[in-house]
Protein backbone atom coordinates (compact mmCIF):
# COMPACT_ATOMS: atom_id res chain seq x y z
CA MET A 1 111.34 129.75 94.94
CA LYS A 2 113.63 128.63 93.05
CA ASN A 3 113.68 124.82 92.50
CA VAL A 4 110.71 123.68 94.05
CA THR A 5 109.96 120.03 93.42
CA PHE A 6 106.14 118.52 93.90
CA VAL A 7 106.12 114.97 96.02
CA SER A 8 103.37 112.58 96.06
CA ALA A 9 102.39 109.74 95.94
CA LEU A 10 98.48 107.54 94.89
CA PHE A 11 97.73 104.14 95.73
CA ASP A 12 94.52 101.90 95.37
CA ILE A 13 93.97 100.93 98.83
CA ASP A 14 90.51 99.70 98.65
CA ARG A 15 88.84 102.37 100.62
CA VAL A 16 85.01 101.55 101.78
CA ASP A 17 84.09 105.06 102.88
CA GLY A 18 82.02 105.74 99.81
CA ARG A 19 85.37 106.96 97.66
CA LYS A 20 85.41 105.75 93.72
CA TRP A 21 89.32 104.93 92.54
CA ASP A 22 87.69 106.64 89.06
CA GLN A 23 87.49 109.89 91.47
CA TYR A 24 91.32 109.97 92.82
CA LEU A 25 92.08 109.53 88.87
CA LYS A 26 90.41 112.45 88.03
CA TRP A 27 92.03 114.16 90.77
CA PHE A 28 95.60 112.73 90.14
CA ASP A 29 94.78 113.95 86.70
CA VAL A 30 93.98 117.42 87.58
CA THR A 31 97.64 117.41 90.12
CA LEU A 32 100.15 115.56 86.88
CA GLN A 33 99.30 119.19 85.12
CA LEU A 34 101.25 121.03 87.48
CA ARG A 35 104.43 122.46 85.24
CA VAL A 36 106.59 121.07 88.43
CA PRO A 37 109.43 118.64 88.49
CA MET A 38 107.80 116.20 90.50
CA LEU A 39 108.69 113.24 92.66
CA LEU A 40 105.32 110.22 91.94
CA PHE A 41 105.06 107.00 94.60
CA ILE A 42 102.84 104.73 92.96
CA THR A 43 102.47 101.40 92.01
CA GLU A 44 103.46 100.06 88.51
CA ASP A 45 100.43 99.95 86.69
CA LEU A 46 99.94 104.09 87.10
CA GLN A 47 102.96 103.98 85.21
CA GLU A 48 101.50 104.54 81.67
CA PHE A 49 98.35 107.45 83.62
CA VAL A 50 100.93 109.19 84.06
CA ASP A 51 103.56 109.28 81.55
CA GLU A 52 100.66 109.91 79.41
CA ARG A 53 99.52 113.43 81.40
CA ARG A 54 103.31 113.93 82.62
CA LYS A 55 105.05 113.83 79.05
CA ASP A 56 107.88 115.49 78.21
CA LEU A 57 108.01 117.61 81.85
CA PRO A 58 110.60 116.16 84.73
CA THR A 59 109.12 113.08 86.31
CA LYS A 60 110.19 110.89 87.90
CA THR A 61 108.00 107.49 89.65
CA VAL A 62 108.92 105.14 92.20
CA HIS A 63 106.99 102.25 92.19
CA ILE A 64 106.16 100.71 95.85
CA THR A 65 103.47 98.97 96.51
CA PRO A 66 101.30 99.84 99.31
CA GLU A 67 102.02 96.33 101.67
CA GLU A 68 105.71 98.26 101.27
CA ILE A 69 105.16 101.57 102.86
CA PRO A 70 107.22 101.51 105.93
CA SER A 71 104.62 102.00 108.52
CA VAL A 72 104.35 102.31 112.80
CA SER A 73 102.36 101.22 115.19
CA TYR A 74 101.74 103.62 118.55
CA THR A 75 99.12 100.96 120.03
CA HIS A 76 101.20 100.84 122.54
CA LEU A 77 101.50 104.02 123.75
CA THR A 78 99.64 105.30 126.69
CA LEU A 79 97.88 108.63 126.58
CA PRO A 80 98.10 110.56 129.61
CA THR A 81 94.67 111.30 131.17
CA THR A 82 95.64 115.39 133.46
CA PRO A 83 97.14 117.97 131.09
CA TYR A 84 100.10 118.85 131.54
CA VAL A 85 100.88 121.88 133.57
């Protein structure tokens, strides 16, 4: 592989399953140490966090909020009740 770009995103979505935001920041901190070009989708408040860790490594950030992420709802679909033959 000659040209690899790592693409990732990090958003604080106020999880209620017991995972703390600080734990995600620790994992993201480790991820940001990878010495590959990165494209990161983050909220604006994380820019300094990224800059401090990526320094001169090739990095492009896109500021976006969770509300701006396109989503598709499949709740209107009906799944078959019998297996396909």
